[in-house]
Protein backbone atom coordinates (compact mmCIF):
# COMPACT_ATOMS: atom_id res chain seq x y z
CA MET A 1 -26.53 -64.46 27.86
CA VAL A 2 -30.14 -65.30 28.66
CA LYS A 3 -31.91 -66.37 31.86
CA LYS A 4 -32.99 -70.03 31.72
CA GLY A 5 -36.54 -69.13 32.85
CA GLU A 6 -36.90 -66.60 30.00
CA LEU A 7 -35.66 -69.08 27.40
CA GLU A 8 -38.01 -71.70 28.79
CA LYS A 9 -41.03 -69.37 28.46
CA PHE A 10 -40.04 -68.70 24.85
CA LEU A 11 -39.61 -72.41 24.12
CA ASP A 12 -42.98 -73.24 25.79
CA ILE A 13 -44.69 -70.93 23.27
CA ILE A 14 -42.80 -72.09 20.16
CA LYS A 15 -42.75 -75.82 20.90
CA VAL A 16 -46.47 -76.06 20.15
CA ASP A 17 -45.73 -75.43 16.43
CA SER A 18 -42.46 -77.39 16.37
CA TYR A 19 -41.62 -81.04 15.89
CA ARG A 20 -38.24 -80.38 17.43
CA ILE A 21 -35.99 -77.56 18.66
CA LYS A 22 -32.31 -78.12 19.33
CA GLY A 23 -29.12 -76.16 19.70
CA PHE A 24 -26.62 -74.62 22.08
CA PHE A 25 -27.30 -71.63 24.33
CA HIS A 26 -25.33 -69.46 26.68
CA LEU A 27 -27.47 -69.24 29.85
CA GLU A 28 -26.65 -67.50 33.13
CA GLU A 29 -25.63 -70.93 34.46
CA GLY A 30 -23.21 -71.46 31.57
CA TRP A 31 -23.38 -73.10 28.14
CA ASN A 32 -26.09 -75.68 27.61
CA GLN A 33 -27.22 -78.06 24.90
CA VAL A 34 -30.97 -77.52 24.49
CA ASP A 35 -33.29 -80.26 23.16
CA VAL A 36 -37.02 -79.89 22.84
CA VAL A 37 -39.27 -82.77 21.69
CA GLY A 38 -42.99 -82.66 22.29
CA LYS A 39 -43.59 -81.17 25.75
CA ASN A 40 -40.09 -82.02 27.05
CA ILE A 41 -37.33 -79.44 27.31
CA ASP A 42 -33.91 -80.84 28.27
CA TYR A 43 -30.73 -78.94 29.15
CA LYS A 44 -27.25 -80.47 29.33
CA PRO A 45 -24.12 -78.52 30.22
CA CYS A 46 -21.73 -78.35 27.27
CA GLU A 47 -18.46 -76.78 26.18
CA HIS A 48 -18.23 -73.10 25.26
CA LYS A 49 -19.52 -72.37 21.75
CA GLU A 50 -18.85 -69.38 19.49
CA ILE A 51 -22.53 -68.31 19.42
CA SER A 52 -25.87 -69.33 20.83
CA GLN A 53 -28.14 -70.87 18.25
CA LEU A 54 -31.28 -72.93 17.96
CA VAL A 55 -32.71 -74.89 15.02
CA PHE A 56 -36.49 -75.19 14.74
CA ILE A 57 -38.16 -78.01 12.82
CA SER A 58 -41.58 -76.51 12.17
CA LYS A 59 -44.99 -78.21 12.01
CA ILE A 60 -46.36 -75.14 10.21
CA GLY A 61 -43.57 -74.39 7.72
CA PRO A 62 -42.42 -70.77 7.34
CA ASN A 63 -45.46 -69.56 9.31
CA ILE A 64 -43.38 -70.23 12.45
CA ILE A 65 -41.17 -67.21 11.70
CA LYS A 66 -43.60 -64.58 12.97
CA PRO A 67 -44.28 -66.28 16.36
CA ILE A 68 -40.55 -66.89 16.86
CA ARG A 69 -39.72 -63.25 16.21
CA SER A 70 -42.59 -61.75 18.22
CA SER A 71 -42.18 -64.11 21.22
CA TRP A 72 -38.40 -63.59 21.27
CA ASN A 73 -38.77 -59.80 21.19
CA GLU A 74 -41.46 -59.83 23.89
CA LEU A 75 -39.80 -62.28 26.32
CA ILE A 76 -36.05 -61.99 25.66
CA GLY A 77 -35.50 -58.67 23.89
CA GLU A 78 -31.90 -59.48 22.92
CA LYS A 79 -30.66 -59.13 19.35
CA MET A 80 -31.53 -62.23 17.32
CA GLU A 81 -30.75 -63.24 13.74
CA LEU A 82 -33.36 -65.47 12.13
CA LYS A 83 -32.45 -67.51 9.06
CA ASN A 84 -34.91 -69.45 6.91
């Protein structure tokens, strides 16, 4: 479970190099569908999911992996599995 403000800080950093970010996330407020396009970050309550996950559509190809990992570790600090 992650605080919405922490996730938003993370997304603000990564969205610069992303065309789109989407997924489902367990926040303190409950489960949310997360959609990021351009500068907009939208949250919609959703049903319980098995795991939190986000999909990143990168503007910079695999070079997005390092900023995702470093920003996540710095801002969130929770265990994260990153798949290419």
